[in-house]
Amino acid sequence: MAKQENICQPTFAMTLFLDECNKRLRIDDYRGNMNDIYSYIYKEVDKATYEKWIIKARAEHLLDWMSLGFSLEATVPYYFNGSDAYLLCYYTSQSRRDSGETLKETELLQDVLNLPTSDYSPLSNQLIMRRAISSDAKQLSQLYRQIFTVYPTPLYEEEYLSSLLQEDSLFYIIVDKNDIVSAASAEIDYVYHNAELTDCATLPAYRKYGFMKHLLSALEAELKQRHIFCAYTIARALSFGVNAAFHQLGYIYTGRLTNNCYIYKSLEDMNVWVKDLSKSKG
C-alpha cells in the first residue's frame, strides 16, 4: 500500500508519497532548499525499490530541478490555485526510463487529436447515471476486477472502495438493470483546488455507447459547483477510447509520463490531459 509522509528538516519541508507497488515516489509539495531535498531522497530512499521519482514543480523552480537531473514529461496548467505545475521525473533504472511503445502511442495520439470535439447522445431510458454511495462498493470492486488485471490503487477491494465512498469520494456510475456497467471518479485537492478525473472503466459490451463522456461531464458539473476549475487526467497512452473521450470533451494534451504505473496488465505510459472548467459551458 502506498503511504504519504510529511518530511521536515532544517532547510526544507516536503510531502512525500511512497508508492512501493508501482516502484515510484512522488513529491506532491515542497518548500525550502531543493538541493537538500534531492540529497535527502538520494541518501534515504532505496533506489532499487523506487525506480521513478516524480515532482510537481513550480515554474520558478523548473531549471533548478532540471539541473539536478530531472526531465520534464508533462504539465498541469492551473494546478496550484491557478498556477501551473510541471511534472518532472528522475529515473534510477534505465529500463524504467525507456519505453518500447513510444511510436505506437504517438500514432494513437495523432488519431485522437484528429477527431472533432463532439457532444454525446442522451442515455437510453433504461440506464441510470448517479453518484455512487457506500452500498455500491461491492459492485464497483467487481467492475474494476473484471477490467483491470493490475491497477495503481486497490480498487478491486470492496473494503477500500467502501472507505473511499464513506469519505465523500466523488464517484459517478451508470447502472443497467441494477448492474453497474461504467464508472469514473474525481480525486479533489481542496488545498490547491484541482481534481484528477480517474478510475474510468466500462464493461466491454457497453463501450460503443460513449458512457465515459456522460460520467466525466457529470463529474465536471460537481467540480464547478465546488469551485474546482482545474480538471486533469492521467490516461493510459494505449487506450484510444479514454483519450478520445477527454479530447472530445475539450481537454488539452500536455505530455506523457513514461512507464508511470502498473495498470491494466503491465507497466504503462500515461498521457496527461487538462481542462480549465471556468471556461467551459454548462
C-alpha atoms as a PDB file:
ATOM      1  CA  MET A   1       0.000   0.000   0.000  1.00  0.00           C
ATOM      2  CA  ALA A   2       1.257   3.487  -0.823  1.00  0.00           C
ATOM      3  CA  LYS A   3       1.929   5.865   2.037  1.00  0.00           C
ATOM      4  CA  GLN A   4       2.333   9.606   2.468  1.00  0.00           C
ATOM      5  CA  GLU A   5       4.980  11.170   4.687  1.00  0.00           C
ATOM      6  CA  ASN A   6       5.443  14.780   5.726  1.00  0.00           C
ATOM      7  CA  ILE A   7       9.200  15.332   5.974  1.00  0.00           C
ATOM      8  CA  CYS A   8      10.544  18.340   7.890  1.00  0.00           C
ATOM      9  CA  GLN A   9      14.272  19.077   8.002  1.00  0.00           C
ATOM     10  CA  PRO A  10      16.186  22.244   8.989  1.00  0.00           C
ATOM     11  CA  THR A  11      16.393  23.504   5.391  1.00  0.00           C
ATOM     12  CA  PHE A  12      13.268  22.091   3.750  1.00  0.00           C
ATOM     13  CA  ALA A  13       9.833  20.527   4.148  1.00  0.00           C
ATOM     14  CA  MET A  14       8.019  18.248   1.709  1.00  0.00           C
ATOM     15  CA  THR A  15       5.070  15.924   1.285  1.00  0.00           C
ATOM     16  CA  LEU A  16       6.477  12.624   0.021  1.00  0.00           C
ATOM     17  CA  PHE A  17       4.268   9.919  -1.478  1.00  0.00           C
ATOM     18  CA  LEU A  18       5.922   6.481  -1.430  1.00  0.00           C
ATOM     19  CA  ASP A  19       4.302   4.018  -3.829  1.00  0.00           C
ATOM     20  CA  GLU A  20       6.119   0.712  -3.481  1.00  0.00           C
ATOM     21  CA  CYS A  21       3.659  -1.244  -5.640  1.00  0.00           C
ATOM     22  CA  ASN A  22       4.421   0.994  -8.635  1.00  0.00           C
ATOM     23  CA  LYS A  23       8.111   1.365  -7.704  1.00  0.00           C
ATOM     24  CA  ARG A  24       7.893   5.148  -7.682  1.00  0.00           C
ATOM     25  CA  LEU A  25       7.840   8.108  -5.334  1.00  0.00           C
ATOM     26  CA  ARG A  26       6.244  11.491  -5.768  1.00  0.00           C
ATOM     27  CA  ILE A  27       6.890  14.863  -4.163  1.00  0.00           C
ATOM     28  CA  ASP A  28       3.457  16.454  -4.076  1.00  0.00           C
ATOM     29  CA  ASP A  29       4.516  19.629  -2.275  1.00  0.00           C
ATOM     30  CA  TYR A  30       7.735  21.190  -1.031  1.00  0.00           C
ATOM     31  CA  ARG A  31       9.434  24.350   0.137  1.00  0.00           C
ATOM     32  CA  GLY A  32      12.992  25.219   1.002  1.00  0.00           C
ATOM     33  CA  ASN A  33      16.334  24.092  -0.388  1.00  0.00           C
ATOM     34  CA  MET A  34      15.870  21.900  -3.466  1.00  0.00           C
ATOM     35  CA  ASN A  35      19.439  20.584  -3.424  1.00  0.00           C
ATOM     36  CA  ASP A  36      18.868  19.347   0.122  1.00  0.00           C
ATOM     37  CA  ILE A  37      15.568  17.715  -0.872  1.00  0.00           C
ATOM     38  CA  TYR A  38      17.339  15.852  -3.659  1.00  0.00           C
ATOM     39  CA  SER A  39      20.206  14.822  -1.371  1.00  0.00           C
ATOM     40  CA  TYR A  40      17.783  13.573   1.272  1.00  0.00           C
ATOM     41  CA  ILE A  41      15.915  11.359  -1.191  1.00  0.00           C
ATOM     42  CA  TYR A  42      19.126  10.103  -2.771  1.00  0.00           C
ATOM     43  CA  LYS A  43      20.524   9.061   0.608  1.00  0.00           C
ATOM     44  CA  GLU A  44      17.402   7.905   2.441  1.00  0.00           C
ATOM     45  CA  VAL A  45      15.325   6.161  -0.235  1.00  0.00           C
ATOM     46  CA  ASP A  46      16.050   2.710  -1.647  1.00  0.00           C
ATOM     47  CA  LYS A  47      16.754   3.395  -5.309  1.00  0.00           C
ATOM     48  CA  ALA A  48      16.045  -0.222  -6.286  1.00  0.00           C
ATOM     49  CA  THR A  49      12.561  -0.030  -4.742  1.00  0.00           C
ATOM     50  CA  TYR A  50      11.725   3.403  -6.153  1.00  0.00           C
ATOM     51  CA  GLU A  51      12.877   3.492  -9.778  1.00  0.00           C
ATOM     52  CA  LYS A  52      10.980   6.634 -10.760  1.00  0.00           C
ATOM     53  CA  TRP A  53      10.831   9.931  -8.852  1.00  0.00           C
ATOM     54  CA  ILE A  54       8.158  12.471  -9.769  1.00  0.00           C
ATOM     55  CA  ILE A  55       7.942  16.036  -8.553  1.00  0.00           C
ATOM     56  CA  LYS A  56       5.166  18.566  -9.039  1.00  0.00           C
ATOM     57  CA  ALA A  57       7.320  21.643  -9.539  1.00  0.00           C
ATOM     58  CA  ARG A  58       6.501  25.307  -9.881  1.00  0.00           C
ATOM     59  CA  ALA A  59       7.609  27.376 -12.863  1.00  0.00           C
ATOM     60  CA  GLU A  60      10.224  29.338 -10.923  1.00  0.00           C
ATOM     61  CA  HIS A  61      11.945  26.091  -9.865  1.00  0.00           C
ATOM     62  CA  LEU A  62      11.960  24.357 -13.243  1.00  0.00           C
ATOM     63  CA  LEU A  63      15.619  24.959 -14.085  1.00  0.00           C
ATOM     64  CA  ASP A  64      16.733  24.132 -10.541  1.00  0.00           C
ATOM     65  CA  TRP A  65      15.210  20.662 -10.716  1.00  0.00           C
ATOM     66  CA  MET A  66      16.433  20.066 -14.261  1.00  0.00           C
ATOM     67  CA  SER A  67      19.980  20.910 -13.156  1.00  0.00           C
ATOM     68  CA  LEU A  68      19.656  18.031 -10.655  1.00  0.00           C
ATOM     69  CA  GLY A  69      18.878  15.544 -13.425  1.00  0.00           C
ATOM     70  CA  PHE A  70      15.089  15.736 -13.584  1.00  0.00           C
ATOM     71  CA  SER A  71      13.415  15.903 -17.006  1.00  0.00           C
ATOM     72  CA  LEU A  72      10.086  17.484 -17.925  1.00  0.00           C
ATOM     73  CA  GLU A  73       7.441  14.974 -19.029  1.00  0.00           C
ATOM     74  CA  ALA A  74       4.146  16.867 -18.702  1.00  0.00           C
ATOM     75  CA  THR A  75       2.459  19.965 -17.315  1.00  0.00           C
ATOM     76  CA  VAL A  76      -0.793  20.607 -15.453  1.00  0.00           C
ATOM     77  CA  PRO A  77      -1.858  24.209 -16.092  1.00  0.00           C
ATOM     78  CA  TYR A  78      -3.758  25.920 -13.234  1.00  0.00           C
ATOM     79  CA  TYR A  79      -2.847  23.130 -10.744  1.00  0.00           C
ATOM     80  CA  PHE A  80      -1.603  25.358  -7.891  1.00  0.00           C
ATOM     81  CA  ASN A  81      -4.655  27.588  -7.344  1.00  0.00           C
ATOM     82  CA  GLY A  82      -4.378  28.787 -10.933  1.00  0.00           C
ATOM     83  CA  SER A  83      -0.596  28.494 -11.394  1.00  0.00           C
ATOM     84  CA  ASP A  84       0.944  25.737 -13.491  1.00  0.00           C
ATOM     85  CA  ALA A  85       2.533  22.523 -12.218  1.00  0.00           C
ATOM     86  CA  TYR A  86       5.427  20.892 -14.063  1.00  0.00           C
ATOM     87  CA  LEU A  87       5.727  17.111 -13.782  1.00  0.00           C
ATOM     88  CA  LEU A  88       9.447  16.425 -13.640  1.00  0.00           C
ATOM     89  CA  CYS A  89      10.867  12.913 -13.442  1.00  0.00           C
ATOM     90  CA  TYR A  90      14.109  11.264 -12.378  1.00  0.00           C
ATOM     91  CA  TYR A  91      14.977   7.617 -13.027  1.00  0.00           C
ATOM     92  CA  THR A  92      17.258   5.237 -11.148  1.00  0.00           C
ATOM     93  CA  SER A  93      16.783   2.437 -13.701  1.00  0.00           C
ATOM     94  CA  GLN A  94      17.479   2.578 -17.436  1.00  0.00           C
ATOM     95  CA  SER A  95      14.777   0.005 -18.181  1.00  0.00           C
ATOM     96  CA  ARG A  96      12.239   2.162 -16.338  1.00  0.00           C
ATOM     97  CA  ARG A  97      13.362   5.188 -18.349  1.00  0.00           C
ATOM     98  CA  ASP A  98      12.963   3.504 -21.739  1.00  0.00           C
ATOM     99  CA  SER A  99       9.561   2.875 -23.281  1.00  0.00           C
ATOM    100  CA  GLY A 100       9.059   0.413 -26.106  1.00  0.00           C
ATOM    101  CA  GLU A 101       5.674   1.822 -27.109  1.00  0.00           C
ATOM    102  CA  THR A 102       6.513   5.446 -27.933  1.00  0.00           C
ATOM    103  CA  LEU A 103       5.847   5.325 -31.690  1.00  0.00           C
ATOM    104  CA  LYS A 104       2.622   3.353 -31.297  1.00  0.00           C
ATOM    105  CA  GLU A 105       1.385   5.754 -28.610  1.00  0.00           C
ATOM    106  CA  THR A 106       2.251   8.801 -30.704  1.00  0.00           C
ATOM    107  CA  GLU A 107       0.353   7.419 -33.697  1.00  0.00           C
ATOM    108  CA  LEU A 108      -2.661   6.720 -31.482  1.00  0.00           C
ATOM    109  CA  LEU A 109      -2.466  10.235 -30.063  1.00  0.00           C
ATOM    110  CA  GLN A 110      -2.442  11.754 -33.553  1.00  0.00           C
ATOM    111  CA  ASP A 111      -5.536   9.736 -34.456  1.00  0.00           C
ATOM    112  CA  VAL A 112      -7.237  11.037 -31.299  1.00  0.00           C
ATOM    113  CA  LEU A 113      -6.256  14.657 -31.960  1.00  0.00           C
ATOM    114  CA  ASN A 114      -7.703  14.415 -35.471  1.00  0.00           C
ATOM    115  CA  LEU A 115     -11.134  13.624 -34.034  1.00  0.00           C
ATOM    116  CA  PRO A 116     -13.595  16.524 -33.864  1.00  0.00           C
ATOM    117  CA  THR A 117     -14.764  17.649 -30.460  1.00  0.00           C
ATOM    118  CA  SER A 118     -18.334  16.492 -30.114  1.00  0.00           C
ATOM    119  CA  ASP A 119     -21.406  16.264 -27.946  1.00  0.00           C
ATOM    120  CA  TYR A 120     -22.905  12.940 -26.952  1.00  0.00           C
ATOM    121  CA  SER A 121     -26.247  11.230 -27.406  1.00  0.00           C
ATOM    122  CA  PRO A 122     -28.679  11.040 -24.474  1.00  0.00           C
ATOM    123  CA  LEU A 123     -28.599   7.917 -22.344  1.00  0.00           C
ATOM    124  CA  SER A 124     -31.267   5.337 -23.024  1.00  0.00           C
ATOM    125  CA  ASN A 125     -34.244   5.377 -20.651  1.00  0.00           C
ATOM    126  CA  GLN A 126     -33.294   2.023 -19.129  1.00  0.00           C
ATOM    127  CA  LEU A 127     -29.965   3.420 -17.917  1.00  0.00           C
ATOM    128  CA  ILE A 128     -29.460   5.434 -14.746  1.00  0.00           C
ATOM    129  CA  MET A 129     -26.492   7.714 -14.083  1.00  0.00           C
ATOM    130  CA  ARG A 130     -25.959   8.761 -10.475  1.00  0.00           C
ATOM    131  CA  ARG A 131     -23.387   9.407  -7.802  1.00  0.00           C
ATOM    132  CA  ALA A 132     -22.101   6.221  -6.150  1.00  0.00           C
ATOM    133  CA  ILE A 133     -22.787   5.565  -2.465  1.00  0.00           C
ATOM    134  CA  SER A 134     -21.112   3.235   0.031  1.00  0.00           C
ATOM    135  CA  SER A 135     -23.522   0.374  -0.699  1.00  0.00           C
ATOM    136  CA  ASP A 136     -22.198   0.340  -4.305  1.00  0.00           C
ATOM    137  CA  ALA A 137     -18.708  -0.684  -3.162  1.00  0.00           C
ATOM    138  CA  LYS A 138     -19.134  -4.409  -3.813  1.00  0.00           C
ATOM    139  CA  GLN A 139     -20.400  -3.980  -7.373  1.00  0.00           C
ATOM    140  CA  LEU A 140     -17.832  -1.292  -8.123  1.00  0.00           C
ATOM    141  CA  SER A 141     -14.995  -3.535  -6.981  1.00  0.00           C
ATOM    142  CA  GLN A 142     -16.335  -6.294  -9.239  1.00  0.00           C
ATOM    143  CA  LEU A 143     -16.412  -3.887 -12.196  1.00  0.00           C
ATOM    144  CA  TYR A 144     -12.775  -2.890 -11.721  1.00  0.00           C
ATOM    145  CA  ARG A 145     -11.742  -6.501 -11.157  1.00  0.00           C
ATOM    146  CA  GLN A 146     -13.285  -7.510 -14.483  1.00  0.00           C
ATOM    147  CA  ILE A 147     -11.458  -4.809 -16.429  1.00  0.00           C
ATOM    148  CA  PHE A 148      -8.038  -4.404 -14.804  1.00  0.00           C
ATOM    149  CA  THR A 149      -5.644  -7.247 -14.078  1.00  0.00           C
ATOM    150  CA  VAL A 150      -3.477  -4.736 -12.226  1.00  0.00           C
ATOM    151  CA  TYR A 151      -4.238  -1.176 -11.104  1.00  0.00           C
ATOM    152  CA  PRO A 152      -2.247   1.569  -9.321  1.00  0.00           C
ATOM    153  CA  THR A 153      -4.685   1.545  -6.371  1.00  0.00           C
ATOM    154  CA  PRO A 154      -6.641  -1.398  -4.849  1.00  0.00           C
ATOM    155  CA  LEU A 155      -9.993  -0.566  -6.432  1.00  0.00           C
ATOM    156  CA  TYR A 156     -10.884  -4.246  -6.684  1.00  0.00           C
ATOM    157  CA  GLU A 157     -11.006  -4.452  -2.873  1.00  0.00           C
ATOM    158  CA  GLU A 158     -14.514  -3.832  -1.553  1.00  0.00           C
ATOM    159  CA  GLU A 159     -13.302  -2.508   1.821  1.00  0.00           C
ATOM    160  CA  TYR A 160     -11.009   0.040   0.159  1.00  0.00           C
ATOM    161  CA  LEU A 161     -13.792   1.339  -2.088  1.00  0.00           C
ATOM    162  CA  SER A 162     -16.254   1.417   0.795  1.00  0.00           C
ATOM    163  CA  SER A 163     -13.876   3.583   2.819  1.00  0.00           C
ATOM    164  CA  LEU A 164     -13.438   5.970  -0.134  1.00  0.00           C
ATOM    165  CA  LEU A 165     -17.176   6.342  -0.600  1.00  0.00           C
ATOM    166  CA  GLN A 166     -17.741   6.908   3.112  1.00  0.00           C
ATOM    167  CA  GLU A 167     -15.099   9.661   2.999  1.00  0.00           C
ATOM    168  CA  ASP A 168     -17.113  11.595   0.402  1.00  0.00           C
ATOM    169  CA  SER A 169     -15.015  10.490  -2.571  1.00  0.00           C
ATOM    170  CA  LEU A 170     -16.712  11.500  -5.801  1.00  0.00           C
ATOM    171  CA  PHE A 171     -17.640   8.520  -7.995  1.00  0.00           C
ATOM    172  CA  TYR A 172     -20.283   8.544 -10.721  1.00  0.00           C
ATOM    173  CA  ILE A 173     -21.733   5.343 -12.145  1.00  0.00           C
ATOM    174  CA  ILE A 174     -24.064   4.186 -14.915  1.00  0.00           C
ATOM    175  CA  VAL A 175     -26.445   1.381 -13.968  1.00  0.00           C
ATOM    176  CA  ASP A 176     -28.246  -1.000 -16.318  1.00  0.00           C
ATOM    177  CA  LYS A 177     -30.921  -3.162 -14.645  1.00  0.00           C
ATOM    178  CA  ASN A 178     -29.277  -2.829 -11.218  1.00  0.00           C
ATOM    179  CA  ASP A 179     -25.810  -3.656 -12.604  1.00  0.00           C
ATOM    180  CA  ILE A 180     -23.005  -1.088 -12.615  1.00  0.00           C
ATOM    181  CA  VAL A 181     -21.620  -1.063 -16.153  1.00  0.00           C
ATOM    182  CA  SER A 182     -19.473   2.094 -16.171  1.00  0.00           C
ATOM    183  CA  ALA A 183     -17.778   4.330 -13.593  1.00  0.00           C
ATOM    184  CA  ALA A 184     -15.379   7.238 -13.117  1.00  0.00           C
ATOM    185  CA  SER A 185     -14.223   9.333 -10.176  1.00  0.00           C
ATOM    186  CA  ALA A 186     -12.684  12.674  -9.225  1.00  0.00           C
ATOM    187  CA  GLU A 187      -9.922  12.994  -6.623  1.00  0.00           C
ATOM    188  CA  ILE A 188     -10.185  16.542  -5.284  1.00  0.00           C
ATOM    189  CA  ASP A 189      -7.341  18.588  -3.810  1.00  0.00           C
ATOM    190  CA  TYR A 190      -9.003  21.247  -1.662  1.00  0.00           C
ATOM    191  CA  VAL A 191      -5.683  22.934  -0.815  1.00  0.00           C
ATOM    192  CA  TYR A 192      -4.717  23.817  -4.393  1.00  0.00           C
ATOM    193  CA  HIS A 193      -8.221  23.492  -5.866  1.00  0.00           C
ATOM    194  CA  ASN A 194      -7.715  20.922  -8.600  1.00  0.00           C
ATOM    195  CA  ALA A 195      -9.135  17.490  -9.356  1.00  0.00           C
ATOM    196  CA  GLU A 196      -7.856  14.392 -11.102  1.00  0.00           C
ATOM    197  CA  LEU A 197     -10.516  12.581 -13.114  1.00  0.00           C
ATOM    198  CA  THR A 198      -9.636   8.929 -12.825  1.00  0.00           C
ATOM    199  CA  ASP A 199     -10.772   5.323 -12.342  1.00  0.00           C
ATOM    200  CA  CYS A 200     -12.508   5.287 -15.736  1.00  0.00           C
ATOM    201  CA  ALA A 201     -13.973   1.876 -16.520  1.00  0.00           C
ATOM    202  CA  THR A 202     -16.689   0.489 -18.791  1.00  0.00           C
ATOM    203  CA  LEU A 203     -17.617  -3.135 -19.387  1.00  0.00           C
ATOM    204  CA  PRO A 204     -16.559  -4.203 -22.919  1.00  0.00           C
ATOM    205  CA  ALA A 205     -20.133  -4.841 -24.097  1.00  0.00           C
ATOM    206  CA  TYR A 206     -21.052  -1.202 -23.363  1.00  0.00           C
ATOM    207  CA  ARG A 207     -18.031   0.655 -24.721  1.00  0.00           C
ATOM    208  CA  LYS A 208     -19.639   1.632 -28.032  1.00  0.00           C
ATOM    209  CA  TYR A 209     -22.194   3.857 -26.277  1.00  0.00           C
ATOM    210  CA  GLY A 210     -19.852   6.630 -25.132  1.00  0.00           C
ATOM    211  CA  PHE A 211     -20.740   6.405 -21.440  1.00  0.00           C
ATOM    212  CA  MET A 212     -17.477   7.986 -20.328  1.00  0.00           C
ATOM    213  CA  LYS A 213     -18.427  11.388 -21.753  1.00  0.00           C
ATOM    214  CA  HIS A 214     -21.607  11.355 -19.660  1.00  0.00           C
ATOM    215  CA  LEU A 215     -19.737  10.402 -16.489  1.00  0.00           C
ATOM    216  CA  LEU A 216     -16.956  12.933 -16.997  1.00  0.00           C
ATOM    217  CA  SER A 217     -19.445  15.715 -17.724  1.00  0.00           C
ATOM    218  CA  ALA A 218     -21.337  14.880 -14.523  1.00  0.00           C
ATOM    219  CA  LEU A 219     -18.100  14.983 -12.536  1.00  0.00           C
ATOM    220  CA  GLU A 220     -17.185  18.321 -14.130  1.00  0.00           C
ATOM    221  CA  ALA A 221     -20.538  19.784 -13.088  1.00  0.00           C
ATOM    222  CA  GLU A 222     -19.943  18.670  -9.484  1.00  0.00           C
ATOM    223  CA  LEU A 223     -16.452  20.173  -9.515  1.00  0.00           C
ATOM    224  CA  LYS A 224     -17.688  23.521 -10.816  1.00  0.00           C
ATOM    225  CA  GLN A 225     -20.271  23.645  -8.032  1.00  0.00           C
ATOM    226  CA  ARG A 226     -17.367  23.285  -5.588  1.00  0.00           C
ATOM    227  CA  HIS A 227     -15.365  25.990  -7.408  1.00  0.00           C
ATOM    228  CA  ILE A 228     -12.747  23.483  -8.577  1.00  0.00           C
ATOM    229  CA  PHE A 229     -11.751  24.649 -12.048  1.00  0.00           C
ATOM    230  CA  CYS A 230      -8.534  22.737 -12.811  1.00  0.00           C
ATOM    231  CA  ALA A 231      -9.505  19.266 -14.033  1.00  0.00           C
ATOM    232  CA  TYR A 232      -6.909  16.843 -15.339  1.00  0.00           C
ATOM    233  CA  THR A 233      -6.457  13.166 -16.019  1.00  0.00           C
ATOM    234  CA  ILE A 234      -3.622  10.700 -16.449  1.00  0.00           C
ATOM    235  CA  ALA A 235      -4.859   8.233 -19.082  1.00  0.00           C
ATOM    236  CA  ARG A 236      -3.366   5.037 -20.481  1.00  0.00           C
ATOM    237  CA  ALA A 237      -1.434   6.106 -23.583  1.00  0.00           C
ATOM    238  CA  LEU A 238      -2.532   2.922 -25.380  1.00  0.00           C
ATOM    239  CA  SER A 239      -6.261   3.403 -24.730  1.00  0.00           C
ATOM    240  CA  PHE A 240      -7.881   5.038 -27.746  1.00  0.00           C
ATOM    241  CA  GLY A 241     -11.318   5.268 -26.145  1.00  0.00           C
ATOM    242  CA  VAL A 242     -10.304   7.029 -22.937  1.00  0.00           C
ATOM    243  CA  ASN A 243      -8.002   9.510 -24.686  1.00  0.00           C
ATOM    244  CA  ALA A 244     -10.682  10.206 -27.293  1.00  0.00           C
ATOM    245  CA  ALA A 245     -13.289  10.882 -24.596  1.00  0.00           C
ATOM    246  CA  PHE A 246     -11.148  13.533 -22.928  1.00  0.00           C
ATOM    247  CA  HIS A 247     -10.110  15.143 -26.217  1.00  0.00           C
ATOM    248  CA  GLN A 248     -13.703  15.348 -27.417  1.00  0.00           C
ATOM    249  CA  LEU A 249     -14.725  16.992 -24.133  1.00  0.00           C
ATOM    250  CA  GLY A 250     -12.209  19.771 -24.731  1.00  0.00           C
ATOM    251  CA  TYR A 251      -9.224  18.581 -22.700  1.00  0.00           C
ATOM    252  CA  ILE A 252      -5.744  19.582 -23.912  1.00  0.00           C
ATOM    253  CA  TYR A 253      -2.910  17.063 -24.170  1.00  0.00           C
ATOM    254  CA  THR A 254       0.097  18.275 -22.144  1.00  0.00           C
ATOM    255  CA  GLY A 255       2.577  15.398 -22.117  1.00  0.00           C
ATOM    256  CA  ARG A 256       3.261  11.725 -21.441  1.00  0.00           C
ATOM    257  CA  LEU A 257       4.594  10.072 -18.282  1.00  0.00           C
ATOM    258  CA  THR A 258       6.938   7.223 -19.199  1.00  0.00           C
ATOM    259  CA  ASN A 259       6.383   3.830 -17.520  1.00  0.00           C
ATOM    260  CA  ASN A 260       4.341   5.623 -14.914  1.00  0.00           C
ATOM    261  CA  CYS A 261       2.391   2.866 -13.181  1.00  0.00           C
ATOM    262  CA  TYR A 262       1.169  -0.703 -13.337  1.00  0.00           C
ATOM    263  CA  ILE A 263      -2.288  -0.636 -14.902  1.00  0.00           C
ATOM    264  CA  TYR A 264      -4.482  -2.932 -16.979  1.00  0.00           C
ATOM    265  CA  LYS A 265      -1.894  -5.701 -17.428  1.00  0.00           C
ATOM    266  CA  SER A 266       1.558  -4.171 -17.047  1.00  0.00           C
ATOM    267  CA  LEU A 267       3.706  -1.061 -16.545  1.00  0.00           C
ATOM    268  CA  GLU A 268       2.402   1.594 -18.952  1.00  0.00           C
ATOM    269  CA  ASP A 269       2.990   5.121 -20.234  1.00  0.00           C
ATOM    270  CA  MET A 270       0.271   7.631 -19.333  1.00  0.00           C
ATOM    271  CA  ASN A 271      -0.964  10.697 -21.234  1.00  0.00           C
ATOM    272  CA  VAL A 272      -1.835  13.881 -19.342  1.00  0.00           C
ATOM    273  CA  TRP A 273      -4.917  15.897 -20.356  1.00  0.00           C
ATOM    274  CA  VAL A 274      -6.032  19.172 -18.730  1.00  0.00           C
ATOM    275  CA  LYS A 275      -9.127  21.402 -18.878  1.00  0.00           C
ATOM    276  CA  ASP A 276      -9.957  24.803 -17.391  1.00  0.00           C
ATOM    277  CA  LEU A 277     -13.545  24.305 -16.243  1.00  0.00           C
ATOM    278  CA  SER A 278     -14.021  28.026 -15.660  1.00  0.00           C
ATOM    279  CA  LYS A 279     -14.040  28.469 -19.443  1.00  0.00           C
ATOM    280  CA  SER A 280     -16.334  25.552 -20.260  1.00  0.00           C
ATOM    281  CA  LYS A 281     -20.054  25.784 -20.921  1.00  0.00           C
ATOM    282  CA  GLY A 282     -22.688  24.416 -18.587  1.00  0.00           C
END
